[in-house]
């Protein structure tokens, strides 16, 4: 069934809005991915306010061109695009989890092609590296521990002479 010009314009406008409104866009290449497998990926990403759409390549390329984005490597064949606004690290980790379960015995059912993060191009390696980073809360806890550890040592150094005087005074009074 052919798509009318007005429908094409609406699809391009939707792509432009999605690309503009989301901080992370990841292009995925599915190979023999079943509908149930795609639904499972979508369910897991739904809780993180992310979505995965099958795209019309030519119309998506036009939307990218309208936004002056030329690094995306969309070729012929089916593509999925993950749009994510928050929790980017977690969204990519979910993709990786599904890739590990789906990509077995040298049959890659889904692979990351490239992406666009915070208005800048990101290749496949960078996106995978991002997924391997610790989550935001773990990073914040590590930073707090790094900052408070030296302060604790300084506090012990300051309290040590006071404690010594206290113990000496306590022993003198007990004798």
C-alpha atoms as a PDB file:
ATOM      1  CA  UNK A   1       0.000   0.000   0.000  1.00  0.00           C
ATOM      2  CA  UNK A   2       1.433   3.334  -1.072  1.00  0.00           C
ATOM      3  CA  UNK A   3       1.745   6.177   1.381  1.00  0.00           C
ATOM      4  CA  UNK A   4       0.346   9.544   0.325  1.00  0.00           C
ATOM      5  CA  UNK A   5       2.457  12.706   0.321  1.00  0.00           C
ATOM      6  CA  UNK A   6       0.595  14.066   3.332  1.00  0.00           C
ATOM      7  CA  UNK A   7       1.198  10.857   5.271  1.00  0.00           C
ATOM      8  CA  UNK A   8       4.897  10.994   4.378  1.00  0.00           C
ATOM      9  CA  UNK A   9       5.105  14.608   5.561  1.00  0.00           C
ATOM     10  CA  UNK A  10       3.418  13.642   8.839  1.00  0.00           C
ATOM     11  CA  UNK A  11       5.860  10.766   9.358  1.00  0.00           C
ATOM     12  CA  UNK A  12       8.854  13.026   8.636  1.00  0.00           C
ATOM     13  CA  UNK A  13       7.479  15.632  11.048  1.00  0.00           C
ATOM     14  CA  UNK A  14       7.056  12.938  13.722  1.00  0.00           C
ATOM     15  CA  UNK A  15      10.665  11.794  13.193  1.00  0.00           C
ATOM     16  CA  UNK A  16      11.916  15.393  13.421  1.00  0.00           C
ATOM     17  CA  UNK A  17       9.985  15.910  16.677  1.00  0.00           C
ATOM     18  CA  UNK A  18      11.266  12.643  18.160  1.00  0.00           C
ATOM     19  CA  UNK A  19      14.869  13.377  17.200  1.00  0.00           C
ATOM     20  CA  UNK A  20      14.593  16.914  18.615  1.00  0.00           C
ATOM     21  CA  UNK A  21      12.850  15.930  21.862  1.00  0.00           C
ATOM     22  CA  UNK A  22      14.969  12.937  22.893  1.00  0.00           C
ATOM     23  CA  UNK A  23      18.551  13.127  24.196  1.00  0.00           C
ATOM     24  CA  UNK A  24      19.558   9.702  22.914  1.00  0.00           C
ATOM     25  CA  UNK A  25      18.856   8.117  19.561  1.00  0.00           C
ATOM     26  CA  UNK A  26      20.343   4.697  18.827  1.00  0.00           C
ATOM     27  CA  UNK A  27      20.070   2.978  15.463  1.00  0.00           C
ATOM     28  CA  UNK A  28      19.644  -0.786  15.714  1.00  0.00           C
ATOM     29  CA  UNK A  29      19.866  -3.367  12.983  1.00  0.00           C
ATOM     30  CA  UNK A  30      17.498  -6.335  13.504  1.00  0.00           C
ATOM     31  CA  UNK A  31      18.068  -9.650  11.748  1.00  0.00           C
ATOM     32  CA  UNK A  32      15.163 -12.093  11.896  1.00  0.00           C
ATOM     33  CA  UNK A  33      13.901 -10.498  15.104  1.00  0.00           C
ATOM     34  CA  UNK A  34      10.472 -11.848  15.971  1.00  0.00           C
ATOM     35  CA  UNK A  35       7.569  -9.617  16.962  1.00  0.00           C
ATOM     36  CA  UNK A  36       7.556 -11.116  20.476  1.00  0.00           C
ATOM     37  CA  UNK A  37      11.261 -10.337  20.912  1.00  0.00           C
ATOM     38  CA  UNK A  38      10.679  -6.734  19.823  1.00  0.00           C
ATOM     39  CA  UNK A  39       7.682  -6.454  22.167  1.00  0.00           C
ATOM     40  CA  UNK A  40       9.853  -7.656  25.074  1.00  0.00           C
ATOM     41  CA  UNK A  41      12.461  -4.978  24.326  1.00  0.00           C
ATOM     42  CA  UNK A  42       9.737  -2.335  24.124  1.00  0.00           C
ATOM     43  CA  UNK A  43       8.212  -3.467  27.440  1.00  0.00           C
ATOM     44  CA  UNK A  44      11.534  -3.203  29.248  1.00  0.00           C
ATOM     45  CA  UNK A  45      12.220   0.252  27.807  1.00  0.00           C
ATOM     46  CA  UNK A  46       8.694   1.527  28.444  1.00  0.00           C
ATOM     47  CA  UNK A  47       9.327   1.857  32.191  1.00  0.00           C
ATOM     48  CA  UNK A  48      12.255   4.185  31.409  1.00  0.00           C
ATOM     49  CA  UNK A  49      10.161   6.431  29.109  1.00  0.00           C
ATOM     50  CA  UNK A  50      12.039   5.177  26.077  1.00  0.00           C
ATOM     51  CA  UNK A  51      10.653   3.746  22.892  1.00  0.00           C
ATOM     52  CA  UNK A  52      11.781   1.637  19.969  1.00  0.00           C
ATOM     53  CA  UNK A  53      10.275   2.210  16.545  1.00  0.00           C
ATOM     54  CA  UNK A  54      10.677   0.486  13.221  1.00  0.00           C
ATOM     55  CA  UNK A  55      11.494   3.272  10.782  1.00  0.00           C
ATOM     56  CA  UNK A  56      10.950   3.997   7.139  1.00  0.00           C
ATOM     57  CA  UNK A  57      14.582   4.524   6.079  1.00  0.00           C
ATOM     58  CA  UNK A  58      14.092   7.091   3.339  1.00  0.00           C
ATOM     59  CA  UNK A  59      11.766   9.235   5.446  1.00  0.00           C
ATOM     60  CA  UNK A  60      14.065   9.001   8.473  1.00  0.00           C
ATOM     61  CA  UNK A  61      16.998  10.124   6.307  1.00  0.00           C
ATOM     62  CA  UNK A  62      14.970  13.152   5.207  1.00  0.00           C
ATOM     63  CA  UNK A  63      14.204  13.988   8.842  1.00  0.00           C
ATOM     64  CA  UNK A  64      17.917  13.713   9.686  1.00  0.00           C
ATOM     65  CA  UNK A  65      18.771  15.938   6.729  1.00  0.00           C
ATOM     66  CA  UNK A  66      16.193  18.519   7.892  1.00  0.00           C
ATOM     67  CA  UNK A  67      18.015  18.630  11.252  1.00  0.00           C
ATOM     68  CA  UNK A  68      21.486  18.814   9.598  1.00  0.00           C
ATOM     69  CA  UNK A  69      22.510  15.413  10.963  1.00  0.00           C
ATOM     70  CA  UNK A  70      24.623  13.610   8.406  1.00  0.00           C
ATOM     71  CA  UNK A  71      26.667  11.066  10.380  1.00  0.00           C
ATOM     72  CA  UNK A  72      23.940   8.450  10.833  1.00  0.00           C
ATOM     73  CA  UNK A  73      24.697   5.330   8.810  1.00  0.00           C
ATOM     74  CA  UNK A  74      21.245   4.205   7.660  1.00  0.00           C
ATOM     75  CA  UNK A  75      21.486   1.868   4.684  1.00  0.00           C
ATOM     76  CA  UNK A  76      18.994  -0.438   3.012  1.00  0.00           C
ATOM     77  CA  UNK A  77      17.084  -2.960   5.049  1.00  0.00           C
ATOM     78  CA  UNK A  78      15.133  -2.831   8.298  1.00  0.00           C
ATOM     79  CA  UNK A  79      16.175  -0.530  11.138  1.00  0.00           C
ATOM     80  CA  UNK A  80      14.927   0.137  14.624  1.00  0.00           C
ATOM     81  CA  UNK A  81      15.502   3.432  16.384  1.00  0.00           C
ATOM     82  CA  UNK A  82      15.548   3.690  20.165  1.00  0.00           C
ATOM     83  CA  UNK A  83      14.552   7.102  21.477  1.00  0.00           C
ATOM     84  CA  UNK A  84      15.490   7.799  25.086  1.00  0.00           C
ATOM     85  CA  UNK A  85      15.214  11.007  27.100  1.00  0.00           C
ATOM     86  CA  UNK A  86      16.353  10.035  30.595  1.00  0.00           C
ATOM     87  CA  UNK A  87      18.234   7.094  32.082  1.00  0.00           C
ATOM     88  CA  UNK A  88      20.250   6.704  28.910  1.00  0.00           C
ATOM     89  CA  UNK A  89      22.743   4.400  30.570  1.00  0.00           C
ATOM     90  CA  UNK A  90      19.978   2.087  31.791  1.00  0.00           C
ATOM     91  CA  UNK A  91      18.255   2.060  28.387  1.00  0.00           C
ATOM     92  CA  UNK A  92      21.455   1.007  26.651  1.00  0.00           C
ATOM     93  CA  UNK A  93      22.048  -1.634  29.337  1.00  0.00           C
ATOM     94  CA  UNK A  94      18.600  -3.047  28.587  1.00  0.00           C
ATOM     95  CA  UNK A  95      19.493  -3.182  24.890  1.00  0.00           C
ATOM     96  CA  UNK A  96      22.733  -4.958  25.751  1.00  0.00           C
ATOM     97  CA  UNK A  97      20.887  -7.448  27.958  1.00  0.00           C
ATOM     98  CA  UNK A  98      18.547  -8.311  25.079  1.00  0.00           C
ATOM     99  CA  UNK A  99      21.453  -8.454  22.650  1.00  0.00           C
ATOM    100  CA  UNK A 100      23.196 -11.019  24.873  1.00  0.00           C
ATOM    101  CA  UNK A 101      20.102 -13.213  25.082  1.00  0.00           C
ATOM    102  CA  UNK A 102      19.146 -12.868  21.406  1.00  0.00           C
ATOM    103  CA  UNK A 103      22.604 -13.040  19.832  1.00  0.00           C
ATOM    104  CA  UNK A 104      23.549 -16.689  20.223  1.00  0.00           C
ATOM    105  CA  UNK A 105      25.563 -19.138  18.093  1.00  0.00           C
ATOM    106  CA  UNK A 106      26.982 -16.455  15.755  1.00  0.00           C
ATOM    107  CA  UNK A 107      23.461 -15.326  14.874  1.00  0.00           C
ATOM    108  CA  UNK A 108      23.123 -11.643  15.697  1.00  0.00           C
ATOM    109  CA  UNK A 109      19.426 -10.908  15.819  1.00  0.00           C
ATOM    110  CA  UNK A 110      20.021  -7.302  16.800  1.00  0.00           C
ATOM    111  CA  UNK A 111      23.054  -5.035  16.796  1.00  0.00           C
ATOM    112  CA  UNK A 112      23.793  -1.402  17.553  1.00  0.00           C
ATOM    113  CA  UNK A 113      24.783   0.558  14.446  1.00  0.00           C
ATOM    114  CA  UNK A 114      25.408   4.050  15.791  1.00  0.00           C
ATOM    115  CA  UNK A 115      23.683   6.831  17.671  1.00  0.00           C
ATOM    116  CA  UNK A 116      23.252  10.438  18.550  1.00  0.00           C
ATOM    117  CA  UNK A 117      23.694  11.528  22.172  1.00  0.00           C
ATOM    118  CA  UNK A 118      22.968  15.048  23.408  1.00  0.00           C
ATOM    119  CA  UNK A 119      23.251  16.477  19.915  1.00  0.00           C
ATOM    120  CA  UNK A 120      26.517  14.729  19.022  1.00  0.00           C
ATOM    121  CA  UNK A 121      27.272  11.668  16.943  1.00  0.00           C
ATOM    122  CA  UNK A 122      28.215   8.494  18.845  1.00  0.00           C
ATOM    123  CA  UNK A 123      29.608   5.393  17.178  1.00  0.00           C
ATOM    124  CA  UNK A 124      28.770   1.825  18.199  1.00  0.00           C
ATOM    125  CA  UNK A 125      31.842   1.435  20.443  1.00  0.00           C
ATOM    126  CA  UNK A 126      31.075   4.618  22.372  1.00  0.00           C
ATOM    127  CA  UNK A 127      27.474   3.533  22.977  1.00  0.00           C
ATOM    128  CA  UNK A 128      28.572   0.107  24.237  1.00  0.00           C
ATOM    129  CA  UNK A 129      31.207   1.766  26.453  1.00  0.00           C
ATOM    130  CA  UNK A 130      28.482   4.004  27.862  1.00  0.00           C
ATOM    131  CA  UNK A 131      26.449   0.933  28.801  1.00  0.00           C
ATOM    132  CA  UNK A 132      29.405  -0.453  30.740  1.00  0.00           C
ATOM    133  CA  UNK A 133      29.658   2.644  32.907  1.00  0.00           C
ATOM    134  CA  UNK A 134      28.173   2.472  36.405  1.00  0.00           C
ATOM    135  CA  UNK A 135      24.747   3.951  36.982  1.00  0.00           C
ATOM    136  CA  UNK A 136      24.379   7.546  38.143  1.00  0.00           C
ATOM    137  CA  UNK A 137      23.676   6.714  41.804  1.00  0.00           C
ATOM    138  CA  UNK A 138      26.637   4.336  42.026  1.00  0.00           C
ATOM    139  CA  UNK A 139      28.882   7.045  40.563  1.00  0.00           C
ATOM    140  CA  UNK A 140      27.570   9.652  42.993  1.00  0.00           C
ATOM    141  CA  UNK A 141      28.130   7.353  45.970  1.00  0.00           C
ATOM    142  CA  UNK A 142      31.692   6.683  44.796  1.00  0.00           C
ATOM    143  CA  UNK A 143      32.373  10.419  44.458  1.00  0.00           C
ATOM    144  CA  UNK A 144      30.977  11.104  47.936  1.00  0.00           C
ATOM    145  CA  UNK A 145      33.158   8.324  49.375  1.00  0.00           C
ATOM    146  CA  UNK A 146      36.238   9.691  47.640  1.00  0.00           C
ATOM    147  CA  UNK A 147      35.555  13.190  48.980  1.00  0.00           C
ATOM    148  CA  UNK A 148      34.669  12.169  52.535  1.00  0.00           C
ATOM    149  CA  UNK A 149      37.509   9.681  53.059  1.00  0.00           C
ATOM    150  CA  UNK A 150      40.289  12.333  53.321  1.00  0.00           C
ATOM    151  CA  UNK A 151      38.049  14.456  55.548  1.00  0.00           C
ATOM    152  CA  UNK A 152      37.667  11.509  57.929  1.00  0.00           C
ATOM    153  CA  UNK A 153      41.440  11.078  58.047  1.00  0.00           C
ATOM    154  CA  UNK A 154      41.946  14.788  58.816  1.00  0.00           C
ATOM    155  CA  UNK A 155      39.318  14.575  61.537  1.00  0.00           C
ATOM    156  CA  UNK A 156      41.122  11.595  63.108  1.00  0.00           C
ATOM    157  CA  UNK A 157      44.408  13.511  63.030  1.00  0.00           C
ATOM    158  CA  UNK A 158      42.805  16.455  64.800  1.00  0.00           C
ATOM    159  CA  UNK A 159      41.027  14.281  67.383  1.00  0.00           C
ATOM    160  CA  UNK A 160      44.036  12.032  68.092  1.00  0.00           C
ATOM    161  CA  UNK A 161      45.959  14.460  70.394  1.00  0.00           C
ATOM    162  CA  UNK A 162      42.746  15.379  72.195  1.00  0.00           C
ATOM    163  CA  UNK A 163      41.990  11.676  72.780  1.00  0.00           C
ATOM    164  CA  UNK A 164      45.528  11.110  74.063  1.00  0.00           C
ATOM    165  CA  UNK A 165      45.199  13.974  76.553  1.00  0.00           C
ATOM    166  CA  UNK A 166      41.813  12.596  77.657  1.00  0.00           C
ATOM    167  CA  UNK A 167      43.210   9.068  78.231  1.00  0.00           C
ATOM    168  CA  UNK A 168      46.222  10.412  80.171  1.00  0.00           C
ATOM    169  CA  UNK A 169      44.005  12.644  82.300  1.00  0.00           C
ATOM    170  CA  UNK A 170      41.614   9.753  82.916  1.00  0.00           C
ATOM    171  CA  UNK A 171      44.448   7.435  84.076  1.00  0.00           C
ATOM    172  CA  UNK A 172      45.837  10.121  86.428  1.00  0.00           C
ATOM    173  CA  UNK A 173      42.436  10.656  88.019  1.00  0.00           C
ATOM    174  CA  UNK A 174      41.887   6.906  88.443  1.00  0.00           C
ATOM    175  CA  UNK A 175      45.183   6.439  90.338  1.00  0.00           C
END
